[in-house]
Amino acid sequence: MKKLFTMLMLAVMSFGALTTYALPQTKKDGTADKRYKANKADKTKLKKDGTPDKRYKAAKPAAAPAKKKA
């Protein structure tokens, strides 16, 4: 009986852990909750006028590969 109870408790706890991480991390008003790492990854930072802010690496264009002289 003790083993059955233990197995049942493990099953309930693992199901609860799976459902917690599967849900999207949003607040009651529907906006992303910034306490979670996945919601902090905003790679496109914009200035007030809507253009990309070039101070951030993600907004800068990729560097062209260096050409070798023959």
PDB file of N, CA and C in Angstrom:
ATOM      1  N   MET A   1       0.819  -1.187   0.000  1.00  0.00           N
ATOM      2  CA  MET A   1       0.000   0.000   0.000  1.00  0.00           C
ATOM      3  C   MET A   1       0.867   1.256   0.000  1.00  0.00           C
ATOM      4  N   LYS A   2       1.968   1.210   0.729  1.00  0.00           N
ATOM      5  CA  LYS A   2       2.869   2.339   0.815  1.00  0.00           C
ATOM      6  C   LYS A   2       3.513   2.624  -0.546  1.00  0.00           C
ATOM      7  N   LYS A   3       3.878   1.556  -1.281  1.00  0.00           N
ATOM      8  CA  LYS A   3       4.470   1.721  -2.602  1.00  0.00           C
ATOM      9  C   LYS A   3       3.462   2.323  -3.575  1.00  0.00           C
ATOM     10  N   LEU A   4       2.235   1.882  -3.512  1.00  0.00           N
ATOM     11  CA  LEU A   4       1.192   2.389  -4.388  1.00  0.00           C
ATOM     12  C   LEU A   4       0.968   3.886  -4.144  1.00  0.00           C
ATOM     13  N   PHE A   5       0.898   4.265  -2.899  1.00  0.00           N
ATOM     14  CA  PHE A   5       0.717   5.671  -2.550  1.00  0.00           C
ATOM     15  C   PHE A   5       1.892   6.519  -3.038  1.00  0.00           C
ATOM     16  N   THR A   6       3.108   6.011  -2.884  1.00  0.00           N
ATOM     17  CA  THR A   6       4.303   6.717  -3.326  1.00  0.00           C
ATOM     18  C   THR A   6       4.303   6.894  -4.840  1.00  0.00           C
ATOM     19  N   MET A   7       3.953   5.843  -5.574  1.00  0.00           N
ATOM     20  CA  MET A   7       3.907   5.910  -7.035  1.00  0.00           C
ATOM     21  C   MET A   7       2.837   6.901  -7.489  1.00  0.00           C
ATOM     22  N   LEU A   8       1.714   6.893  -6.819  1.00  0.00           N
ATOM     23  CA  LEU A   8       0.637   7.808  -7.158  1.00  0.00           C
ATOM     24  C   LEU A   8       1.057   9.258  -6.923  1.00  0.00           C
ATOM     25  N   MET A   9       1.731   9.525  -5.834  1.00  0.00           N
ATOM     26  CA  MET A   9       2.196  10.875  -5.529  1.00  0.00           C
ATOM     27  C   MET A   9       3.241  11.340  -6.549  1.00  0.00           C
ATOM     28  N   LEU A  10       4.137  10.461  -6.950  1.00  0.00           N
ATOM     29  CA  LEU A  10       5.141  10.816  -7.958  1.00  0.00           C
ATOM     30  C   LEU A  10       4.477  11.148  -9.293  1.00  0.00           C
ATOM     31  N   ALA A  11       3.473  10.373  -9.663  1.00  0.00           N
ATOM     32  CA  ALA A  11       2.768  10.614 -10.916  1.00  0.00           C
ATOM     33  C   ALA A  11       2.058  11.967 -10.886  1.00  0.00           C
ATOM     34  N   VAL A  12       1.419  12.285  -9.780  1.00  0.00           N
ATOM     35  CA  VAL A  12       0.706  13.558  -9.657  1.00  0.00           C
ATOM     36  C   VAL A  12       1.693  14.716  -9.682  1.00  0.00           C
ATOM     37  N   MET A  13       2.801  14.589  -8.996  1.00  0.00           N
ATOM     38  CA  MET A  13       3.796  15.662  -8.955  1.00  0.00           C
ATOM     39  C   MET A  13       4.436  15.878 -10.321  1.00  0.00           C
ATOM     40  N   SER A  14       4.733  14.817 -11.050  1.00  0.00           N
ATOM     41  CA  SER A  14       5.352  14.977 -12.372  1.00  0.00           C
ATOM     42  C   SER A  14       4.361  15.575 -13.357  1.00  0.00           C
ATOM     43  N   PHE A  15       3.092  15.229 -13.259  1.00  0.00           N
ATOM     44  CA  PHE A  15       2.085  15.824 -14.139  1.00  0.00           C
ATOM     45  C   PHE A  15       1.935  17.305 -13.850  1.00  0.00           C
ATOM     46  N   GLY A  16       1.986  17.685 -12.610  1.00  0.00           N
ATOM     47  CA  GLY A  16       1.885  19.089 -12.241  1.00  0.00           C
ATOM     48  C   GLY A  16       3.070  19.895 -12.751  1.00  0.00           C
ATOM     49  N   ALA A  17       4.253  19.302 -12.734  1.00  0.00           N
ATOM     50  CA  ALA A  17       5.440  19.997 -13.228  1.00  0.00           C
ATOM     51  C   ALA A  17       5.369  20.174 -14.740  1.00  0.00           C
ATOM     52  N   LEU A  18       4.859  19.207 -15.453  1.00  0.00           N
ATOM     53  CA  LEU A  18       4.758  19.306 -16.908  1.00  0.00           C
ATOM     54  C   LEU A  18       3.759  20.370 -17.324  1.00  0.00           C
ATOM     55  N   THR A  19       2.658  20.457 -16.649  1.00  0.00           N
ATOM     56  CA  THR A  19       1.653  21.436 -17.042  1.00  0.00           C
ATOM     57  C   THR A  19       2.088  22.854 -16.715  1.00  0.00           C
ATOM     58  N   THR A  20       2.911  23.039 -15.708  1.00  0.00           N
ATOM     59  CA  THR A  20       3.379  24.372 -15.340  1.00  0.00           C
ATOM     60  C   THR A  20       4.271  24.950 -16.428  1.00  0.00           C
ATOM     61  N   TYR A  21       5.193  24.142 -16.975  1.00  0.00           N
ATOM     62  CA  TYR A  21       6.129  24.645 -17.965  1.00  0.00           C
ATOM     63  C   TYR A  21       5.527  24.689 -19.362  1.00  0.00           C
ATOM     64  N   ALA A  22       4.468  23.977 -19.613  1.00  0.00           N
ATOM     65  CA  ALA A  22       3.872  23.958 -20.933  1.00  0.00           C
ATOM     66  C   ALA A  22       3.019  25.195 -21.185  1.00  0.00           C
ATOM     67  N   LEU A  23       2.548  25.843 -20.151  1.00  0.00           N
ATOM     68  CA  LEU A  23       1.695  27.008 -20.322  1.00  0.00           C
ATOM     69  C   LEU A  23       2.529  28.234 -20.677  1.00  0.00           C
ATOM     70  N   PRO A  24       1.985  29.143 -21.474  1.00  0.00           N
ATOM     71  CA  PRO A  24       2.733  30.368 -21.774  1.00  0.00           C
ATOM     72  C   PRO A  24       2.831  31.241 -20.535  1.00  0.00           C
ATOM     73  N   GLN A  25       3.943  31.947 -20.407  1.00  0.00           N
ATOM     74  CA  GLN A  25       4.155  32.783 -19.235  1.00  0.00           C
ATOM     75  C   GLN A  25       3.640  34.190 -19.535  1.00  0.00           C
ATOM     76  N   THR A  26       2.366  34.412 -19.283  1.00  0.00           N
ATOM     77  CA  THR A  26       1.766  35.719 -19.486  1.00  0.00           C
ATOM     78  C   THR A  26       1.102  36.183 -18.204  1.00  0.00           C
ATOM     79  N   LYS A  27       0.940  37.500 -18.112  1.00  0.00           N
ATOM     80  CA  LYS A  27       0.245  38.074 -16.964  1.00  0.00           C
ATOM     81  C   LYS A  27      -1.254  38.048 -17.225  1.00  0.00           C
ATOM     82  N   LYS A  28      -2.031  38.456 -16.244  1.00  0.00           N
ATOM     83  CA  LYS A  28      -3.488  38.433 -16.374  1.00  0.00           C
ATOM     84  C   LYS A  28      -3.982  39.330 -17.502  1.00  0.00           C
ATOM     85  N   ASP A  29      -3.254  40.406 -17.767  1.00  0.00           N
ATOM     86  CA  ASP A  29      -3.690  41.317 -18.832  1.00  0.00           C
ATOM     87  C   ASP A  29      -3.252  40.858 -20.216  1.00  0.00           C
ATOM     88  N   GLY A  30      -2.515  39.744 -20.314  1.00  0.00           N
ATOM     89  CA  GLY A  30      -2.136  39.163 -21.601  1.00  0.00           C
ATOM     90  C   GLY A  30      -0.750  39.536 -22.085  1.00  0.00           C
ATOM     91  N   THR A  31      -0.052  40.427 -21.389  1.00  0.00           N
ATOM     92  CA  THR A  31       1.294  40.795 -21.804  1.00  0.00           C
ATOM     93  C   THR A  31       2.289  39.758 -21.302  1.00  0.00           C
ATOM     94  N   ALA A  32       3.444  39.691 -21.958  1.00  0.00           N
ATOM     95  CA  ALA A  32       4.467  38.722 -21.591  1.00  0.00           C
ATOM     96  C   ALA A  32       5.045  39.051 -20.221  1.00  0.00           C
ATOM     97  N   ASP A  33       5.257  38.024 -19.406  1.00  0.00           N
ATOM     98  CA  ASP A  33       5.822  38.198 -18.073  1.00  0.00           C
ATOM     99  C   ASP A  33       7.341  38.197 -18.203  1.00  0.00           C
ATOM    100  N   LYS A  34       7.987  39.306 -17.931  1.00  0.00           N
ATOM    101  CA  LYS A  34       9.419  39.481 -18.150  1.00  0.00           C
ATOM    102  C   LYS A  34      10.282  38.781 -17.100  1.00  0.00           C
ATOM    103  N   ARG A  35       9.678  38.084 -16.150  1.00  0.00           N
ATOM    104  CA  ARG A  35      10.480  37.347 -15.169  1.00  0.00           C
ATOM    105  C   ARG A  35      11.056  36.086 -15.786  1.00  0.00           C
ATOM    106  N   TYR A  36      10.539  35.640 -16.914  1.00  0.00           N
ATOM    107  CA  TYR A  36      10.987  34.409 -17.551  1.00  0.00           C
ATOM    108  C   TYR A  36      11.973  34.724 -18.671  1.00  0.00           C
ATOM    109  N   LYS A  37      12.990  33.882 -18.794  1.00  0.00           N
ATOM    110  CA  LYS A  37      14.063  34.108 -19.752  1.00  0.00           C
ATOM    111  C   LYS A  37      13.557  34.151 -21.190  1.00  0.00           C
ATOM    112  N   ALA A  38      12.613  33.314 -21.527  1.00  0.00           N
ATOM    113  CA  ALA A  38      12.096  33.275 -22.889  1.00  0.00           C
ATOM    114  C   ALA A  38      11.419  34.580 -23.279  1.00  0.00           C
ATOM    115  N   ASN A  39      10.854  35.281 -22.341  1.00  0.00           N
ATOM    116  CA  ASN A  39      10.173  36.535 -22.630  1.00  0.00           C
ATOM    117  C   ASN A  39      11.115  37.734 -22.613  1.00  0.00           C
ATOM    118  N   LYS A  40      12.310  37.565 -22.110  1.00  0.00           N
ATOM    119  CA  LYS A  40      13.272  38.664 -22.068  1.00  0.00           C
ATOM    120  C   LYS A  40      14.041  38.795 -23.371  1.00  0.00           C
ATOM    121  N   ALA A  41      14.008  37.800 -24.203  1.00  0.00           N
ATOM    122  CA  ALA A  41      14.799  37.773 -25.436  1.00  0.00           C
ATOM    123  C   ALA A  41      14.161  38.649 -26.504  1.00  0.00           C
ATOM    124  N   ASP A  42      14.261  39.961 -26.337  1.00  0.00           N
ATOM    125  CA  ASP A  42      13.769  40.897 -27.336  1.00  0.00           C
ATOM    126  C   ASP A  42      14.976  41.382 -28.121  1.00  0.00           C
ATOM    127  N   LYS A  43      15.219  40.776 -29.277  1.00  0.00           N
ATOM    128  CA  LYS A  43      16.436  41.039 -30.026  1.00  0.00           C
ATOM    129  C   LYS A  43      16.345  42.298 -30.885  1.00  0.00           C
ATOM    130  N   THR A  44      15.177  42.802 -31.148  1.00  0.00           N
ATOM    131  CA  THR A  44      15.033  43.966 -32.010  1.00  0.00           C
ATOM    132  C   THR A  44      14.658  45.179 -31.173  1.00  0.00           C
ATOM    133  N   LYS A  45      15.650  45.890 -30.705  1.00  0.00           N
ATOM    134  CA  LYS A  45      15.415  47.096 -29.919  1.00  0.00           C
ATOM    135  C   LYS A  45      15.253  48.258 -30.891  1.00  0.00           C
ATOM    136  N   LEU A  46      14.201  49.046 -30.678  1.00  0.00           N
ATOM    137  CA  LEU A  46      13.907  50.146 -31.583  1.00  0.00           C
ATOM    138  C   LEU A  46      13.982  51.480 -30.849  1.00  0.00           C
ATOM    139  N   LYS A  47      14.313  52.529 -31.617  1.00  0.00           N
ATOM    140  CA  LYS A  47      14.290  53.879 -31.076  1.00  0.00           C
ATOM    141  C   LYS A  47      12.851  54.383 -31.105  1.00  0.00           C
ATOM    142  N   LYS A  48      12.628  55.584 -30.577  1.00  0.00           N
ATOM    143  CA  LYS A  48      11.274  56.133 -30.524  1.00  0.00           C
ATOM    144  C   LYS A  48      10.675  56.327 -31.915  1.00  0.00           C
ATOM    145  N   ASP A  49      11.534  56.603 -32.908  1.00  0.00           N
ATOM    146  CA  ASP A  49      11.013  56.819 -34.253  1.00  0.00           C
ATOM    147  C   ASP A  49      10.784  55.505 -35.011  1.00  0.00           C
ATOM    148  N   GLY A  50      11.094  54.362 -34.413  1.00  0.00           N
ATOM    149  CA  GLY A  50      10.816  53.066 -35.011  1.00  0.00           C
ATOM    150  C   GLY A  50      11.975  52.444 -35.749  1.00  0.00           C
ATOM    151  N   THR A  51      13.092  53.146 -35.875  1.00  0.00           N
ATOM    152  CA  THR A  51      14.256  52.579 -36.555  1.00  0.00           C
ATOM    153  C   THR A  51      15.069  51.738 -35.576  1.00  0.00           C
ATOM    154  N   PRO A  52      15.807  50.749 -36.090  1.00  0.00           N
ATOM    155  CA  PRO A  52      16.598  49.893 -35.188  1.00  0.00           C
ATOM    156  C   PRO A  52      17.693  50.689 -34.480  1.00  0.00           C
ATOM    157  N   ASP A  53      17.917  50.382 -33.216  1.00  0.00           N
ATOM    158  CA  ASP A  53      18.945  51.041 -32.424  1.00  0.00           C
ATOM    159  C   ASP A  53      20.267  50.335 -32.674  1.00  0.00           C
ATOM    160  N   LYS A  54      21.209  51.016 -33.305  1.00  0.00           N
ATOM    161  CA  LYS A  54      22.473  50.414 -33.728  1.00  0.00           C
ATOM    162  C   LYS A  54      23.461  50.205 -32.579  1.00  0.00           C
ATOM    163  N   ARG A  55      23.099  50.579 -31.358  1.00  0.00           N
ATOM    164  CA  ARG A  55      23.998  50.318 -30.229  1.00  0.00           C
ATOM    165  C   ARG A  55      24.014  48.845 -29.858  1.00  0.00           C
ATOM    166  N   TYR A  56      22.987  48.106 -30.296  1.00  0.00           N
ATOM    167  CA  TYR A  56      22.871  46.699 -29.941  1.00  0.00           C
ATOM    168  C   TYR A  56      23.353  45.824 -31.090  1.00  0.00           C
ATOM    169  N   LYS A  57      24.024  44.749 -30.760  1.00  0.00           N
ATOM    170  CA  LYS A  57      24.613  43.854 -31.748  1.00  0.00           C
ATOM    171  C   LYS A  57      23.553  43.251 -32.674  1.00  0.00           C
ATOM    172  N   ALA A  58      22.381  42.929 -32.149  1.00  0.00           N
ATOM    173  CA  ALA A  58      21.347  42.305 -32.961  1.00  0.00           C
ATOM    174  C   ALA A  58      20.834  43.244 -34.045  1.00  0.00           C
ATOM    175  N   ALA A  59      20.941  44.551 -33.863  1.00  0.00           N
ATOM    176  CA  ALA A  59      20.437  45.510 -34.838  1.00  0.00           C
ATOM    177  C   ALA A  59      21.473  45.881 -35.895  1.00  0.00           C
ATOM    178  N   LYS A  60      22.736  45.566 -35.648  1.00  0.00           N
ATOM    179  CA  LYS A  60      23.791  45.919 -36.600  1.00  0.00           C
ATOM    180  C   LYS A  60      23.804  44.920 -37.753  1.00  0.00           C
ATOM    181  N   PRO A  61      24.128  45.385 -38.962  1.00  0.00           N
ATOM    182  CA  PRO A  61      24.211  44.453 -40.093  1.00  0.00           C
ATOM    183  C   PRO A  61      25.410  43.523 -39.920  1.00  0.00           C
ATOM    184  N   ALA A  62      25.319  42.348 -40.534  1.00  0.00           N
ATOM    185  CA  ALA A  62      26.408  41.379 -40.434  1.00  0.00           C
ATOM    186  C   ALA A  62      27.628  41.916 -41.165  1.00  0.00           C
ATOM    187  N   ALA A  63      28.802  41.702 -40.612  1.00  0.00           N
ATOM    188  CA  ALA A  63      30.041  42.165 -41.226  1.00  0.00           C
ATOM    189  C   ALA A  63      30.368  41.321 -42.443  1.00  0.00           C
ATOM    190  N   ALA A  64      30.868  41.972 -43.476  1.00  0.00           N
ATOM    191  CA  ALA A  64      31.257  41.259 -44.691  1.00  0.00           C
ATOM    192  C   ALA A  64      32.570  40.509 -44.427  1.00  0.00           C
ATOM    193  N   PRO A  65      32.735  39.331 -45.007  1.00  0.00           N
ATOM    194  CA  PRO A  65      33.979  38.593 -44.795  1.00  0.00           C
ATOM    195  C   PRO A  65      35.156  39.332 -45.438  1.00  0.00           C
ATOM    196  N   ALA A  66      36.322  39.248 -44.811  1.00  0.00           N
ATOM    197  CA  ALA A  66      37.522  39.919 -45.309  1.00  0.00           C
ATOM    198  C   ALA A  66      37.999  39.251 -46.593  1.00  0.00           C
ATOM    199  N   LYS A  67      38.411  40.075 -47.550  1.00  0.00           N
ATOM    200  CA  LYS A  67      38.909  39.539 -48.821  1.00  0.00           C
ATOM    201  C   LYS A  67      40.432  39.477 -48.770  1.00  0.00           C
ATOM    202  N   LYS A  68      40.985  38.378 -49.295  1.00  0.00           N
ATOM    203  CA  LYS A  68      42.434  38.209 -49.343  1.00  0.00           C
ATOM    204  C   LYS A  68      42.968  38.754 -50.659  1.00  0.00           C
ATOM    205  N   LYS A  69      44.099  39.381 -50.597  1.00  0.00           N
ATOM    206  CA  LYS A  69      44.755  39.862 -51.827  1.00  0.00           C
ATOM    207  C   LYS A  69      45.511  38.705 -52.444  1.00  0.00           C
ATOM    208  N   ALA A  70      45.427  38.630 -53.758  1.00  0.00           N
ATOM    209  CA  ALA A  70      46.091  37.533 -54.462  1.00  0.00           C
ATOM    210  C   ALA A  70      47.510  37.831 -54.799  1.00  0.00           C
TER     211      ALA A  70
END
